[in-house]
Amino acid sequence: MGIPVGDDEYVDKIIIDVCARKFLLRSSKGTSRKVECETTEQFMDVLEVITNQADPDLIEYTDLAIVDS
């Protein structure tokens, strides 16, 4: 079971996009919420909370964007 966010709703998946400094939270009811960080420090603070509090099975990372020059 995920992280409770309401009366019978849970966070089922947390998708982390390191390059874009974004988090996508998906709930058991199919809703999504995007968290966009403006600074690297803000991103690292949110990442620390997630990695310390959330079940590792809920966390998924997006693929890194690699651009050939």
C-alpha atoms as a PDB file:
ATOM      1  CA  MET A   1       0.000   0.000   0.000  1.00  0.00           C
ATOM      2  CA  GLY A   2       1.207   3.519  -0.749  1.00  0.00           C
ATOM      3  CA  ILE A   3       1.339   6.750   1.211  1.00  0.00           C
ATOM      4  CA  PRO A   4      -2.112   7.950   2.405  1.00  0.00           C
ATOM      5  CA  VAL A   5      -3.209  11.312   0.956  1.00  0.00           C
ATOM      6  CA  GLY A   6      -6.909  11.257   1.711  1.00  0.00           C
ATOM      7  CA  ASP A   7      -9.726   9.174   3.095  1.00  0.00           C
ATOM      8  CA  ASP A   8      -9.180   6.220   0.779  1.00  0.00           C
ATOM      9  CA  GLU A   9      -6.565   7.518  -1.607  1.00  0.00           C
ATOM     10  CA  TYR A  10      -2.884   6.635  -1.616  1.00  0.00           C
ATOM     11  CA  VAL A  11       0.216   7.660  -3.544  1.00  0.00           C
ATOM     12  CA  ASP A  12       0.939   4.577  -5.657  1.00  0.00           C
ATOM     13  CA  LYS A  13       3.939   5.856  -7.597  1.00  0.00           C
ATOM     14  CA  ILE A  14       6.446   8.697  -7.410  1.00  0.00           C
ATOM     15  CA  ILE A  15       8.219   9.431 -10.687  1.00  0.00           C
ATOM     16  CA  ILE A  16      11.342  11.565 -10.384  1.00  0.00           C
ATOM     17  CA  ASP A  17      12.796  13.494 -13.328  1.00  0.00           C
ATOM     18  CA  VAL A  18      16.240  14.598 -12.161  1.00  0.00           C
ATOM     19  CA  CYS A  19      17.099  16.593 -15.306  1.00  0.00           C
ATOM     20  CA  ALA A  20      13.871  18.620 -15.228  1.00  0.00           C
ATOM     21  CA  ARG A  21      13.794  18.845 -11.384  1.00  0.00           C
ATOM     22  CA  LYS A  22      10.215  17.509 -11.323  1.00  0.00           C
ATOM     23  CA  PHE A  23       8.261  14.949  -9.356  1.00  0.00           C
ATOM     24  CA  LEU A  24       5.048  13.284 -10.522  1.00  0.00           C
ATOM     25  CA  LEU A  25       2.861  11.736  -7.819  1.00  0.00           C
ATOM     26  CA  ARG A  26       0.254   9.217  -8.982  1.00  0.00           C
ATOM     27  CA  SER A  27      -2.597   8.174  -6.716  1.00  0.00           C
ATOM     28  CA  SER A  28      -4.610   5.004  -6.280  1.00  0.00           C
ATOM     29  CA  LYS A  29      -7.611   6.857  -7.741  1.00  0.00           C
ATOM     30  CA  GLY A  30      -5.786   7.720 -10.956  1.00  0.00           C
ATOM     31  CA  THR A  31      -5.075  11.365 -10.208  1.00  0.00           C
ATOM     32  CA  SER A  32      -1.642  12.900 -10.731  1.00  0.00           C
ATOM     33  CA  ARG A  33       0.072  15.877  -9.205  1.00  0.00           C
ATOM     34  CA  LYS A  34       3.236  17.464 -10.567  1.00  0.00           C
ATOM     35  CA  VAL A  35       5.774  19.150  -8.283  1.00  0.00           C
ATOM     36  CA  GLU A  36       8.223  21.404 -10.113  1.00  0.00           C
ATOM     37  CA  CYS A  37      11.247  22.761  -8.262  1.00  0.00           C
ATOM     38  CA  GLU A  38      12.697  26.134  -9.178  1.00  0.00           C
ATOM     39  CA  THR A  39      16.165  25.576  -7.733  1.00  0.00           C
ATOM     40  CA  THR A  40      18.532  22.661  -7.308  1.00  0.00           C
ATOM     41  CA  GLU A  41      18.423  23.166  -3.534  1.00  0.00           C
ATOM     42  CA  GLN A  42      14.621  22.942  -3.519  1.00  0.00           C
ATOM     43  CA  PHE A  43      14.772  19.792  -5.662  1.00  0.00           C
ATOM     44  CA  MET A  44      17.315  18.182  -3.338  1.00  0.00           C
ATOM     45  CA  ASP A  45      15.181  19.019  -0.273  1.00  0.00           C
ATOM     46  CA  VAL A  46      12.084  17.390  -1.797  1.00  0.00           C
ATOM     47  CA  LEU A  47      14.146  14.410  -2.982  1.00  0.00           C
ATOM     48  CA  GLU A  48      15.502  13.926   0.546  1.00  0.00           C
ATOM     49  CA  VAL A  49      11.990  13.891   2.030  1.00  0.00           C
ATOM     50  CA  ILE A  50      10.809  11.374  -0.562  1.00  0.00           C
ATOM     51  CA  THR A  51      13.772   9.031  -0.190  1.00  0.00           C
ATOM     52  CA  ASN A  52      13.568   9.181   3.626  1.00  0.00           C
ATOM     53  CA  GLN A  53       9.777   8.739   3.910  1.00  0.00           C
ATOM     54  CA  ALA A  54       8.480   6.789   0.906  1.00  0.00           C
ATOM     55  CA  ASP A  55       8.686   3.062   0.322  1.00  0.00           C
ATOM     56  CA  PRO A  56      11.481   2.537  -2.249  1.00  0.00           C
ATOM     57  CA  ASP A  57       9.107   0.353  -4.299  1.00  0.00           C
ATOM     58  CA  LEU A  58       6.996   3.472  -5.006  1.00  0.00           C
ATOM     59  CA  ILE A  59       9.916   5.460  -6.443  1.00  0.00           C
ATOM     60  CA  GLU A  60      10.782   5.402 -10.139  1.00  0.00           C
ATOM     61  CA  TYR A  61      13.271   7.573 -12.027  1.00  0.00           C
ATOM     62  CA  THR A  62      12.846   8.755 -15.610  1.00  0.00           C
ATOM     63  CA  ASP A  63      15.598   8.029 -18.115  1.00  0.00           C
ATOM     64  CA  LEU A  64      18.290  10.679 -18.362  1.00  0.00           C
ATOM     65  CA  ALA A  65      18.113  12.864 -21.460  1.00  0.00           C
ATOM     66  CA  ILE A  66      21.367  12.546 -23.398  1.00  0.00           C
ATOM     67  CA  VAL A  67      21.941  14.956 -26.260  1.00  0.00           C
ATOM     68  CA  ASP A  68      24.721  14.427 -28.811  1.00  0.00           C
ATOM     69  CA  SER A  69      26.538  17.608 -29.740  1.00  0.00           C
END
